[in-house]
Amino acid sequence: MDRDKEIYLVKCRSCGAANRVPAKMAGKPGRCGECHGALPVLYLEPLVLGDSTFRDFLQSYTGPVLAEFWASW
């Protein structure tokens, strides 16, 4: 399937409405079509975060986060 045609459902944390979000909007903020509250940003690919960006991302992102840590030792 062409990624440009993929649609994902993102649940609004304010009113619970299911919002259809096209894949091309991944990584961009959006608003609920029902209550106009902020929707969690849809990420389709893993983000590579470092020491300087990890904490800021966690503090600003309202959705669930799955983290994988790696060390060379």
PDB file of N, CA and C in Angstrom:
ATOM      1  N   MET A   1       0.839  -1.187   0.000  1.00  0.00           N
ATOM      2  CA  MET A   1       0.000   0.000   0.000  1.00  0.00           C
ATOM      3  C   MET A   1       0.880   1.246   0.000  1.00  0.00           C
ATOM      4  N   ASP A   2       0.470   2.246  -0.734  1.00  0.00           N
ATOM      5  CA  ASP A   2       1.179   3.512  -0.814  1.00  0.00           C
ATOM      6  C   ASP A   2       1.003   4.273   0.498  1.00  0.00           C
ATOM      7  N   ARG A   3       2.100   4.672   1.123  1.00  0.00           N
ATOM      8  CA  ARG A   3       2.034   5.346   2.422  1.00  0.00           C
ATOM      9  C   ARG A   3       1.218   6.636   2.346  1.00  0.00           C
ATOM     10  N   ASP A   4       1.199   7.305   1.200  1.00  0.00           N
ATOM     11  CA  ASP A   4       0.416   8.537   1.070  1.00  0.00           C
ATOM     12  C   ASP A   4      -1.074   8.293   1.221  1.00  0.00           C
ATOM     13  N   LYS A   5      -1.518   7.061   1.058  1.00  0.00           N
ATOM     14  CA  LYS A   5      -2.942   6.742   1.167  1.00  0.00           C
ATOM     15  C   LYS A   5      -3.315   6.139   2.519  1.00  0.00           C
ATOM     16  N   GLU A   6      -2.319   5.883   3.370  1.00  0.00           N
ATOM     17  CA  GLU A   6      -2.590   5.286   4.677  1.00  0.00           C
ATOM     18  C   GLU A   6      -3.256   6.303   5.599  1.00  0.00           C
ATOM     19  N   ILE A   7      -4.217   5.816   6.371  1.00  0.00           N
ATOM     20  CA  ILE A   7      -4.937   6.634   7.344  1.00  0.00           C
ATOM     21  C   ILE A   7      -4.833   5.940   8.705  1.00  0.00           C
ATOM     22  N   TYR A   8      -4.562   6.709   9.741  1.00  0.00           N
ATOM     23  CA  TYR A   8      -4.461   6.183  11.106  1.00  0.00           C
ATOM     24  C   TYR A   8      -5.494   6.870  11.982  1.00  0.00           C
ATOM     25  N   LEU A   9      -6.002   6.153  12.965  1.00  0.00           N
ATOM     26  CA  LEU A   9      -6.939   6.732  13.921  1.00  0.00           C
ATOM     27  C   LEU A   9      -6.176   7.157  15.163  1.00  0.00           C
ATOM     28  N   VAL A  10      -6.328   8.412  15.526  1.00  0.00           N
ATOM     29  CA  VAL A  10      -5.682   8.958  16.720  1.00  0.00           C
ATOM     30  C   VAL A  10      -6.791   9.437  17.644  1.00  0.00           C
ATOM     31  N   LYS A  11      -6.791   8.915  18.867  1.00  0.00           N
ATOM     32  CA  LYS A  11      -7.834   9.250  19.835  1.00  0.00           C
ATOM     33  C   LYS A  11      -7.508  10.564  20.537  1.00  0.00           C
ATOM     34  N   CYS A  12      -8.502  11.442  20.589  1.00  0.00           N
ATOM     35  CA  CYS A  12      -8.348  12.720  21.289  1.00  0.00           C
ATOM     36  C   CYS A  12      -8.351  12.460  22.794  1.00  0.00           C
ATOM     37  N   ARG A  13      -7.388  13.020  23.484  1.00  0.00           N
ATOM     38  CA  ARG A  13      -7.309  12.838  24.933  1.00  0.00           C
ATOM     39  C   ARG A  13      -8.326  13.697  25.675  1.00  0.00           C
ATOM     40  N   SER A  14      -8.880  14.707  25.010  1.00  0.00           N
ATOM     41  CA  SER A  14      -9.858  15.585  25.660  1.00  0.00           C
ATOM     42  C   SER A  14     -11.274  15.033  25.585  1.00  0.00           C
ATOM     43  N   CYS A  15     -11.712  14.632  24.383  1.00  0.00           N
ATOM     44  CA  CYS A  15     -13.111  14.218  24.219  1.00  0.00           C
ATOM     45  C   CYS A  15     -13.278  12.750  23.827  1.00  0.00           C
ATOM     46  N   GLY A  16     -12.181  12.066  23.492  1.00  0.00           N
ATOM     47  CA  GLY A  16     -12.246  10.650  23.151  1.00  0.00           C
ATOM     48  C   GLY A  16     -12.603  10.357  21.700  1.00  0.00           C
ATOM     49  N   ALA A  17     -12.788  11.383  20.893  1.00  0.00           N
ATOM     50  CA  ALA A  17     -13.154  11.176  19.487  1.00  0.00           C
ATOM     51  C   ALA A  17     -11.998  10.545  18.719  1.00  0.00           C
ATOM     52  N   ALA A  18     -12.337   9.659  17.789  1.00  0.00           N
ATOM     53  CA  ALA A  18     -11.336   9.059  16.912  1.00  0.00           C
ATOM     54  C   ALA A  18     -11.153   9.973  15.705  1.00  0.00           C
ATOM     55  N   ASN A  19      -9.927  10.380  15.459  1.00  0.00           N
ATOM     56  CA  ASN A  19      -9.608  11.287  14.360  1.00  0.00           C
ATOM     57  C   ASN A  19      -8.801  10.552  13.309  1.00  0.00           C
ATOM     58  N   ARG A  20      -9.196  10.696  12.058  1.00  0.00           N
ATOM     59  CA  ARG A  20      -8.469  10.085  10.941  1.00  0.00           C
ATOM     60  C   ARG A  20      -7.301  11.003  10.574  1.00  0.00           C
ATOM     61  N   VAL A  21      -6.085  10.459  10.685  1.00  0.00           N
ATOM     62  CA  VAL A  21      -4.874  11.233  10.400  1.00  0.00           C
ATOM     63  C   VAL A  21      -4.142  10.557   9.250  1.00  0.00           C
ATOM     64  N   PRO A  22      -3.935  11.272   8.131  1.00  0.00           N
ATOM     65  CA  PRO A  22      -3.195  10.687   7.017  1.00  0.00           C
ATOM     66  C   PRO A  22      -1.721  10.521   7.369  1.00  0.00           C
ATOM     67  N   ALA A  23      -1.089   9.496   6.817  1.00  0.00           N
ATOM     68  CA  ALA A  23       0.320   9.211   7.094  1.00  0.00           C
ATOM     69  C   ALA A  23       1.218  10.389   6.744  1.00  0.00           C
ATOM     70  N   LYS A  24       0.840  11.184   5.749  1.00  0.00           N
ATOM     71  CA  LYS A  24       1.683  12.319   5.357  1.00  0.00           C
ATOM     72  C   LYS A  24       1.759  13.388   6.448  1.00  0.00           C
ATOM     73  N   MET A  25       0.892  13.314   7.460  1.00  0.00           N
ATOM     74  CA  MET A  25       0.920  14.263   8.578  1.00  0.00           C
ATOM     75  C   MET A  25       1.743  13.755   9.759  1.00  0.00           C
ATOM     76  N   ALA A  26       2.421  12.625   9.590  1.00  0.00           N
ATOM     77  CA  ALA A  26       3.237  12.061  10.675  1.00  0.00           C
ATOM     78  C   ALA A  26       4.281  13.079  11.125  1.00  0.00           C
ATOM     79  N   GLY A  27       4.430  13.203  12.440  1.00  0.00           N
ATOM     80  CA  GLY A  27       5.409  14.098  13.025  1.00  0.00           C
ATOM     81  C   GLY A  27       4.945  15.538  13.158  1.00  0.00           C
ATOM     82  N   LYS A  28       3.707  15.820  12.740  1.00  0.00           N
ATOM     83  CA  LYS A  28       3.183  17.188  12.795  1.00  0.00           C
ATOM     84  C   LYS A  28       2.030  17.253  13.790  1.00  0.00           C
ATOM     85  N   PRO A  29       1.922  18.353  14.533  1.00  0.00           N
ATOM     86  CA  PRO A  29       0.806  18.479  15.478  1.00  0.00           C
ATOM     87  C   PRO A  29      -0.520  18.650  14.740  1.00  0.00           C
ATOM     88  N   GLY A  30      -1.597  18.223  15.382  1.00  0.00           N
ATOM     89  CA  GLY A  30      -2.922  18.351  14.796  1.00  0.00           C
ATOM     90  C   GLY A  30      -3.955  18.685  15.857  1.00  0.00           C
ATOM     91  N   ARG A  31      -5.154  18.966  15.414  1.00  0.00           N
ATOM     92  CA  ARG A  31      -6.268  19.303  16.299  1.00  0.00           C
ATOM     93  C   ARG A  31      -7.417  18.333  16.076  1.00  0.00           C
ATOM     94  N   CYS A  32      -8.143  18.051  17.132  1.00  0.00           N
ATOM     95  CA  CYS A  32      -9.303  17.183  17.067  1.00  0.00           C
ATOM     96  C   CYS A  32     -10.390  17.848  16.219  1.00  0.00           C
ATOM     97  N   GLY A  33     -11.011  17.075  15.341  1.00  0.00           N
ATOM     98  CA  GLY A  33     -12.092  17.592  14.520  1.00  0.00           C
ATOM     99  C   GLY A  33     -13.354  17.860  15.305  1.00  0.00           C
ATOM    100  N   GLU A  34     -13.485  17.263  16.484  1.00  0.00           N
ATOM    101  CA  GLU A  34     -14.685  17.408  17.309  1.00  0.00           C
ATOM    102  C   GLU A  34     -14.568  18.581  18.289  1.00  0.00           C
ATOM    103  N   CYS A  35     -13.541  18.550  19.153  1.00  0.00           N
ATOM    104  CA  CYS A  35     -13.423  19.565  20.209  1.00  0.00           C
ATOM    105  C   CYS A  35     -12.294  20.564  19.964  1.00  0.00           C
ATOM    106  N   HIS A  36     -11.491  20.325  18.943  1.00  0.00           N
ATOM    107  CA  HIS A  36     -10.354  21.173  18.570  1.00  0.00           C
ATOM    108  C   HIS A  36      -9.219  21.145  19.585  1.00  0.00           C
ATOM    109  N   GLY A  37      -9.215  20.143  20.458  1.00  0.00           N
ATOM    110  CA  GLY A  37      -8.103  19.956  21.385  1.00  0.00           C
ATOM    111  C   GLY A  37      -6.881  19.417  20.648  1.00  0.00           C
ATOM    112  N   ALA A  38      -5.729  19.556  21.252  1.00  0.00           N
ATOM    113  CA  ALA A  38      -4.486  19.079  20.643  1.00  0.00           C
ATOM    114  C   ALA A  38      -4.465  17.550  20.610  1.00  0.00           C
ATOM    115  N   LEU A  39      -4.075  16.988  19.468  1.00  0.00           N
ATOM    116  CA  LEU A  39      -3.926  15.538  19.327  1.00  0.00           C
ATOM    117  C   LEU A  39      -2.479  15.150  19.574  1.00  0.00           C
ATOM    118  N   PRO A  40      -2.229  13.940  20.099  1.00  0.00           N
ATOM    119  CA  PRO A  40      -0.846  13.471  20.193  1.00  0.00           C
ATOM    120  C   PRO A  40      -0.274  13.353  18.776  1.00  0.00           C
ATOM    121  N   VAL A  41       0.975  13.722  18.601  1.00  0.00           N
ATOM    122  CA  VAL A  41       1.625  13.644  17.298  1.00  0.00           C
ATOM    123  C   VAL A  41       1.793  12.177  16.916  1.00  0.00           C
ATOM    124  N   LEU A  42       1.497  11.860  15.677  1.00  0.00           N
ATOM    125  CA  LEU A  42       1.625  10.503  15.147  1.00  0.00           C
ATOM    126  C   LEU A  42       3.048  10.311  14.638  1.00  0.00           C
ATOM    127  N   TYR A  43       3.764   9.333  15.171  1.00  0.00           N
ATOM    128  CA  TYR A  43       5.104   8.987  14.690  1.00  0.00           C
ATOM    129  C   TYR A  43       5.044   7.596  14.080  1.00  0.00           C
ATOM    130  N   LEU A  44       5.439   7.476  12.814  1.00  0.00           N
ATOM    131  CA  LEU A  44       5.415   6.192  12.121  1.00  0.00           C
ATOM    132  C   LEU A  44       6.779   5.523  12.080  1.00  0.00           C
ATOM    133  N   GLU A  45       7.812   6.284  12.322  1.00  0.00           N
ATOM    134  CA  GLU A  45       9.188   5.778  12.317  1.00  0.00           C
ATOM    135  C   GLU A  45       9.824   6.103  13.667  1.00  0.00           C
ATOM    136  N   PRO A  46      10.776   5.290  14.109  1.00  0.00           N
ATOM    137  CA  PRO A  46      11.462   5.598  15.371  1.00  0.00           C
ATOM    138  C   PRO A  46      12.226   6.919  15.272  1.00  0.00           C
ATOM    139  N   LEU A  47      12.267   7.642  16.383  1.00  0.00           N
ATOM    140  CA  LEU A  47      13.064   8.864  16.467  1.00  0.00           C
ATOM    141  C   LEU A  47      14.373   8.532  17.156  1.00  0.00           C
ATOM    142  N   VAL A  48      15.457   9.051  16.649  1.00  0.00           N
ATOM    143  CA  VAL A  48      16.753   8.891  17.301  1.00  0.00           C
ATOM    144  C   VAL A  48      16.967  10.133  18.158  1.00  0.00           C
ATOM    145  N   LEU A  49      17.001   9.930  19.461  1.00  0.00           N
ATOM    146  CA  LEU A  49      17.181  11.035  20.397  1.00  0.00           C
ATOM    147  C   LEU A  49      18.490  10.846  21.143  1.00  0.00           C
ATOM    148  N   GLY A  50      19.124  11.929  21.474  1.00  0.00           N
ATOM    149  CA  GLY A  50      20.381  11.879  22.202  1.00  0.00           C
ATOM    150  C   GLY A  50      20.232  12.462  23.595  1.00  0.00           C
ATOM    151  N   ASP A  51      21.360  12.609  24.269  1.00  0.00           N
ATOM    152  CA  ASP A  51      21.360  13.147  25.630  1.00  0.00           C
ATOM    153  C   ASP A  51      20.707  14.522  25.710  1.00  0.00           C
ATOM    154  N   SER A  52      20.901  15.335  24.696  1.00  0.00           N
ATOM    155  CA  SER A  52      20.382  16.704  24.737  1.00  0.00           C
ATOM    156  C   SER A  52      18.926  16.817  24.295  1.00  0.00           C
ATOM    157  N   THR A  53      18.353  15.781  23.669  1.00  0.00           N
ATOM    158  CA  THR A  53      16.985  15.879  23.150  1.00  0.00           C
ATOM    159  C   THR A  53      15.984  14.955  23.841  1.00  0.00           C
ATOM    160  N   PHE A  54      16.458  13.936  24.532  1.00  0.00           N
ATOM    161  CA  PHE A  54      15.574  12.933  25.119  1.00  0.00           C
ATOM    162  C   PHE A  54      14.625  13.527  26.154  1.00  0.00           C
ATOM    163  N   ARG A  55      15.160  14.268  27.114  1.00  0.00           N
ATOM    164  CA  ARG A  55      14.336  14.829  28.192  1.00  0.00           C
ATOM    165  C   ARG A  55      13.297  15.811  27.632  1.00  0.00           C
ATOM    166  N   ASP A  56      13.699  16.673  26.702  1.00  0.00           N
ATOM    167  CA  ASP A  56      12.765  17.638  26.112  1.00  0.00           C
ATOM    168  C   ASP A  56      11.624  16.923  25.398  1.00  0.00           C
ATOM    169  N   PHE A  57      11.943  15.844  24.673  1.00  0.00           N
ATOM    170  CA  PHE A  57      10.899  15.096  23.978  1.00  0.00           C
ATOM    171  C   PHE A  57       9.920  14.492  24.975  1.00  0.00           C
ATOM    172  N   LEU A  58      10.419  13.852  26.014  1.00  0.00           N
ATOM    173  CA  LEU A  58       9.533  13.229  27.003  1.00  0.00           C
ATOM    174  C   LEU A  58       8.644  14.247  27.697  1.00  0.00           C
ATOM    175  N   GLN A  59       9.170  15.425  27.970  1.00  0.00           N
ATOM    176  CA  GLN A  59       8.385  16.437  28.663  1.00  0.00           C
ATOM    177  C   GLN A  59       7.306  17.048  27.772  1.00  0.00           C
ATOM    178  N   SER A  60       7.529  17.062  26.467  1.00  0.00           N
ATOM    179  CA  SER A  60       6.568  17.712  25.582  1.00  0.00           C
ATOM    180  C   SER A  60       5.597  16.748  24.906  1.00  0.00           C
ATOM    181  N   TYR A  61       5.914  15.461  24.833  1.00  0.00           N
ATOM    182  CA  TYR A  61       5.066  14.510  24.126  1.00  0.00           C
ATOM    183  C   TYR A  61       4.035  13.913  25.070  1.00  0.00           C
ATOM    184  N   THR A  62       2.767  13.919  24.652  1.00  0.00           N
ATOM    185  CA  THR A  62       1.693  13.451  25.535  1.00  0.00           C
ATOM    186  C   THR A  62       1.261  12.016  25.261  1.00  0.00           C
ATOM    187  N   GLY A  63       1.793  11.404  24.221  1.00  0.00           N
ATOM    188  CA  GLY A  63       1.413  10.037  23.876  1.00  0.00           C
ATOM    189  C   GLY A  63       2.301   9.013  24.561  1.00  0.00           C
ATOM    190  N   PRO A  64       2.036   7.732  24.334  1.00  0.00           N
ATOM    191  CA  PRO A  64       2.873   6.679  24.901  1.00  0.00           C
ATOM    192  C   PRO A  64       4.253   6.675  24.231  1.00  0.00           C
ATOM    193  N   VAL A  65       5.277   6.277  24.982  1.00  0.00           N
ATOM    194  CA  VAL A  65       6.647   6.265  24.478  1.00  0.00           C
ATOM    195  C   VAL A  65       7.251   4.886  24.717  1.00  0.00           C
ATOM    196  N   LEU A  66       7.851   4.327  23.688  1.00  0.00           N
ATOM    197  CA  LEU A  66       8.604   3.083  23.790  1.00  0.00           C
ATOM    198  C   LEU A  66      10.062   3.449  23.548  1.00  0.00           C
ATOM    199  N   ALA A  67      10.928   3.207  24.524  1.00  0.00           N
ATOM    200  CA  ALA A  67      12.338   3.605  24.411  1.00  0.00           C
ATOM    201  C   ALA A  67      13.232   2.379  24.381  1.00  0.00           C
ATOM    202  N   GLU A  68      14.237   2.435  23.542  1.00  0.00           N
ATOM    203  CA  GLU A  68      15.270   1.402  23.482  1.00  0.00           C
ATOM    204  C   GLU A  68      16.597   2.098  23.723  1.00  0.00           C
ATOM    205  N   PHE A  69      17.367   1.591  24.678  1.00  0.00           N
ATOM    206  CA  PHE A  69      18.646   2.190  25.019  1.00  0.00           C
ATOM    207  C   PHE A  69      19.773   1.276  24.597  1.00  0.00           C
ATOM    208  N   TRP A  70      20.885   1.864  24.191  1.00  0.00           N
ATOM    209  CA  TRP A  70      22.025   1.103  23.730  1.00  0.00           C
ATOM    210  C   TRP A  70      23.298   1.748  24.286  1.00  0.00           C
ATOM    211  N   ALA A  71      24.242   0.915  24.649  1.00  0.00           N
ATOM    212  CA  ALA A  71      25.542   1.398  25.115  1.00  0.00           C
ATOM    213  C   ALA A  71      26.628   0.543  24.481  1.00  0.00           C
ATOM    214  N   SER A  72      27.760   1.149  24.205  1.00  0.00           N
ATOM    215  CA  SER A  72      28.844   0.421  23.522  1.00  0.00           C
ATOM    216  C   SER A  72      29.643  -0.478  24.475  1.00  0.00           C
ATOM    217  N   TRP A  73      29.446  -0.353  25.749  1.00  0.00           N
ATOM    218  CA  TRP A  73      30.216  -1.184  26.680  1.00  0.00           C
ATOM    219  C   TRP A  73      29.500  -2.428  26.893  1.00  0.00           C
TER     220      TRP A  73
END
